[in-house]
Amino acid sequence: MSESPPRVTTPVKVLLGVLFAADAGFGVVLALGLVRGQSPWLIGGAYAATVLVAVLAYRASRARELKRGFASLQDLTVGEEGLRLPAGTLSTRVIPWTQIADITPRRSARFGDGFVRDALWVDLVTGGGVESSVQRYAPRGRLAPAPPGRRQFEQTAILDPALFDAVVERLRKELRHRQLHAQLRGSPRIRHH
């Protein structure tokens, strides 16, 4: 995604533009007193209806964009061998479960659209970390620009904060399950006679 969600799709931009123009024209007609003898409730209701249509169109467009963000999680896959993450344009990297210490949200370093957001990081047992392309949505006004000259990959999945947190928690549960399974498999079995 090249912009932060929630984005507005082009058809919705056109609809919002038409509704804005209609409401502006409606305001001019009222200001000039060209509408006389009409009930104030009818005038207010017509104006409120156009505002309601604009709000509903915006919300539907935003919901569609968030679904696209969720669908773009296909780059992040959980498998028996480990966690598969994007490693740049058109490439992925598998991190074995035995090398993963934790899953944490931290500031993005490589992925994004020119702004710094919280990203999902895979902390390694060696002390390093690997950034995923999954990021938490934040309003554009709260974002800091990325440092100049930083190499960027734009194929990010920018998720609603609640969905981002759910993905982090789900991956942590999977990691704990894998770690527990490895401990049980590696410990000696005690037989009682």
Protein backbone atom coordinates (compact mmCIF):
# COMPACT_ATOMS: atom_id res chain seq x y z
CA MET A 1 0.00 0.00 0.00
CA SER A 2 1.35 3.36 -0.87
CA GLU A 3 -0.75 5.29 1.67
CA SER A 4 -1.82 4.72 5.23
CA PRO A 5 -5.25 3.20 5.58
CA PRO A 6 -8.01 4.10 5.80
CA ARG A 7 -7.83 5.07 2.15
CA VAL A 8 -10.81 6.09 0.08
CA THR A 9 -11.31 4.32 -3.23
CA THR A 10 -11.68 6.33 -6.45
CA PRO A 11 -15.44 5.66 -6.92
CA VAL A 12 -16.05 6.83 -3.36
CA LYS A 13 -13.91 9.94 -3.98
CA VAL A 14 -16.13 10.75 -6.98
CA LEU A 15 -19.30 10.15 -4.94
CA LEU A 16 -18.02 12.29 -2.07
CA GLY A 17 -17.08 15.04 -4.54
CA VAL A 18 -20.55 15.00 -6.10
CA LEU A 19 -22.20 15.06 -2.66
CA PHE A 20 -19.92 17.90 -1.54
CA ALA A 21 -20.78 19.90 -4.67
CA ALA A 22 -24.49 19.20 -4.16
CA ASP A 23 -24.32 20.29 -0.51
CA ALA A 24 -22.35 23.42 -1.44
CA GLY A 25 -24.94 24.27 -4.10
CA PHE A 26 -27.69 23.58 -1.60
CA GLY A 27 -26.03 25.99 0.85
CA VAL A 28 -25.78 28.68 -1.82
CA VAL A 29 -29.48 28.27 -2.70
CA LEU A 30 -30.41 28.61 0.97
CA ALA A 31 -28.12 31.62 1.48
CA LEU A 32 -29.60 33.44 -1.50
CA GLY A 33 -33.11 32.72 -0.29
CA LEU A 34 -34.13 30.95 -3.51
CA VAL A 35 -36.05 28.29 -1.57
CA ARG A 36 -39.14 29.76 0.05
CA GLY A 37 -42.17 28.19 1.56
CA GLN A 38 -40.48 24.86 2.31
CA SER A 39 -40.49 23.28 5.74
CA PRO A 40 -37.19 23.69 7.61
CA TRP A 41 -37.49 19.99 8.50
CA LEU A 42 -37.62 19.05 4.82
CA ILE A 43 -34.58 21.20 4.02
CA GLY A 44 -32.64 19.87 7.03
CA GLY A 45 -33.66 16.28 6.21
CA ALA A 46 -32.44 16.56 2.61
CA TYR A 47 -29.12 17.97 3.77
CA ALA A 48 -28.77 15.29 6.48
CA ALA A 49 -29.52 12.54 3.92
CA THR A 50 -26.66 13.65 1.67
CA VAL A 51 -24.29 13.79 4.65
CA LEU A 52 -25.41 10.30 5.74
CA VAL A 53 -24.80 8.88 2.25
CA ALA A 54 -21.30 10.42 2.24
CA VAL A 55 -20.46 8.97 5.68
CA LEU A 56 -21.75 5.50 4.74
CA ALA A 57 -19.78 5.52 1.48
CA TYR A 58 -16.61 6.54 3.31
CA ARG A 59 -17.08 3.84 5.97
CA ALA A 60 -17.72 1.13 3.36
CA SER A 61 -14.61 2.16 1.43
CA ARG A 62 -12.52 2.13 4.62
CA ALA A 63 -13.79 -1.33 5.58
CA ARG A 64 -12.85 -2.64 2.12
CA GLU A 65 -9.30 -1.28 2.52
CA LEU A 66 -8.91 -2.91 5.94
CA LYS A 67 -9.97 -6.24 4.43
CA ARG A 68 -7.28 -5.80 1.79
CA GLY A 69 -4.78 -5.20 4.59
CA PHE A 70 -5.88 -8.44 6.25
CA ALA A 71 -5.66 -10.31 2.93
CA SER A 72 -2.09 -9.10 2.47
CA LEU A 73 -1.06 -11.19 5.46
CA GLN A 74 -0.49 -13.96 2.92
CA ASP A 75 3.20 -12.98 2.95
CA LEU A 76 3.41 -14.00 6.61
CA THR A 77 2.91 -17.75 6.96
CA VAL A 78 3.22 -20.18 9.85
CA GLY A 79 4.60 -23.60 8.97
CA GLU A 80 6.12 -26.65 10.58
CA GLU A 81 9.61 -25.49 9.63
CA GLY A 82 9.17 -21.97 10.96
CA LEU A 83 7.80 -18.52 10.23
CA ARG A 84 8.00 -17.30 6.62
CA LEU A 85 8.44 -13.53 6.24
CA PRO A 86 8.98 -11.21 3.28
CA ALA A 87 12.68 -10.42 2.91
CA GLY A 88 12.40 -7.68 0.32
CA THR A 89 10.87 -7.43 -3.10
CA LEU A 90 9.78 -10.84 -4.43
CA SER A 91 11.66 -12.87 -1.82
CA THR A 92 10.87 -14.53 1.50
CA ARG A 93 12.83 -15.88 4.42
CA VAL A 94 11.99 -18.80 6.70
CA ILE A 95 13.04 -18.40 10.32
CA PRO A 96 13.11 -21.79 12.12
CA TRP A 97 11.11 -21.94 15.36
CA THR A 98 14.26 -22.87 17.28
CA GLN A 99 15.83 -19.51 16.33
CA ILE A 100 12.85 -17.38 17.46
CA ALA A 101 12.93 -15.92 20.99
CA ASP A 102 9.82 -13.71 20.82
CA ILE A 103 7.43 -11.76 18.58
CA THR A 104 7.32 -8.05 19.44
CA PRO A 105 6.02 -4.76 18.03
CA ARG A 106 8.79 -2.21 17.41
CA ARG A 107 9.42 0.72 15.07
CA SER A 108 9.72 -0.16 11.39
CA ALA A 109 13.15 -0.03 9.83
CA ARG A 110 12.90 -1.33 6.24
CA PHE A 111 9.25 -1.66 5.27
CA GLY A 112 6.74 1.11 4.70
CA ASP A 113 5.67 4.03 2.62
CA GLY A 114 8.10 6.65 3.89
CA PHE A 115 6.73 6.83 7.44
CA VAL A 116 7.83 5.09 10.65
CA ARG A 117 5.18 2.83 12.23
CA ASP A 118 5.08 -0.05 14.68
CA ALA A 119 5.96 -3.24 12.84
CA LEU A 120 5.90 -6.89 13.84
CA TRP A 121 9.44 -8.05 14.62
CA VAL A 122 10.77 -11.56 15.13
CA ASP A 123 13.34 -11.46 17.95
CA LEU A 124 16.03 -14.08 17.50
CA VAL A 125 17.73 -16.13 20.22
CA THR A 126 21.03 -14.63 19.04
CA GLY A 127 19.83 -11.18 20.15
CA GLY A 128 19.08 -9.80 16.69
CA GLY A 129 15.73 -9.20 15.10
CA VAL A 130 13.99 -9.56 11.75
CA GLU A 131 11.35 -7.04 10.69
CA SER A 132 8.19 -8.30 9.01
CA SER A 133 6.11 -6.26 6.59
CA VAL A 134 3.11 -6.31 8.97
CA GLN A 135 2.54 -2.86 10.48
CA ARG A 136 0.06 -1.17 12.82
CA TYR A 137 -2.13 1.59 11.38
CA ALA A 138 -1.70 5.07 12.83
CA PRO A 139 -3.21 8.33 11.57
CA ARG A 140 -0.89 10.18 9.19
CA GLY A 141 -0.64 13.12 11.61
CA ARG A 142 0.97 10.90 14.28
CA LEU A 143 3.57 9.37 11.97
CA ALA A 144 7.16 10.53 11.75
CA PRO A 145 8.82 10.55 8.33
CA ALA A 146 11.35 7.80 7.73
CA PRO A 147 14.99 8.88 7.83
CA PRO A 148 16.31 9.90 4.40
CA GLY A 149 18.27 7.30 2.46
CA ARG A 150 16.65 4.37 4.27
CA ARG A 151 15.99 1.45 1.93
CA GLN A 152 12.24 0.87 1.78
CA PHE A 153 10.04 -1.98 0.60
CA GLU A 154 6.45 -0.88 0.12
CA GLN A 155 4.63 -4.23 0.18
CA THR A 156 3.38 -3.74 3.72
CA ALA A 157 0.23 -5.03 5.39
CA ILE A 158 -0.95 -2.05 7.43
CA LEU A 159 -3.51 -3.40 9.88
CA ASP A 160 -6.08 -1.88 12.17
CA PRO A 161 -4.51 -1.67 15.68
CA ALA A 162 -6.79 -4.37 17.14
CA LEU A 163 -6.04 -6.75 14.26
CA PHE A 164 -2.30 -6.03 14.50
CA ASP A 165 -2.35 -6.83 18.23
CA ALA A 166 -4.33 -10.02 17.54
CA VAL A 167 -1.75 -11.16 14.96
CA VAL A 168 1.09 -10.50 17.45
CA GLU A 169 -0.71 -12.48 20.17
CA ARG A 170 -1.55 -15.35 17.82
CA LEU A 171 2.08 -15.65 16.71
CA ARG A 172 3.25 -15.53 20.34
CA LYS A 173 0.86 -18.37 21.23
CA GLU A 174 2.12 -20.39 18.29
CA LEU A 175 5.72 -19.75 19.38
CA ARG A 176 4.98 -20.80 22.99
CA HIS A 177 3.27 -23.95 21.70
CA ARG A 178 6.28 -24.82 19.53
CA GLN A 179 8.72 -24.13 22.38
CA LEU A 180 6.73 -26.26 24.82
CA HIS A 181 6.47 -29.05 22.27
CA ALA A 182 10.25 -28.94 21.71
CA GLN A 183 10.90 -29.09 25.48
CA LEU A 184 8.59 -32.05 25.97
CA ARG A 185 10.08 -33.88 23.03
CA GLY A 186 13.62 -33.28 24.29
CA SER A 187 13.10 -34.23 27.96
CA PRO A 188 13.60 -37.85 29.07
CA ARG A 189 10.48 -39.89 29.79
CA ILE A 190 10.10 -41.28 33.27
CA ARG A 191 8.48 -44.69 33.49
CA HIS A 192 6.72 -45.66 36.68
CA HIS A 193 6.71 -49.39 37.53
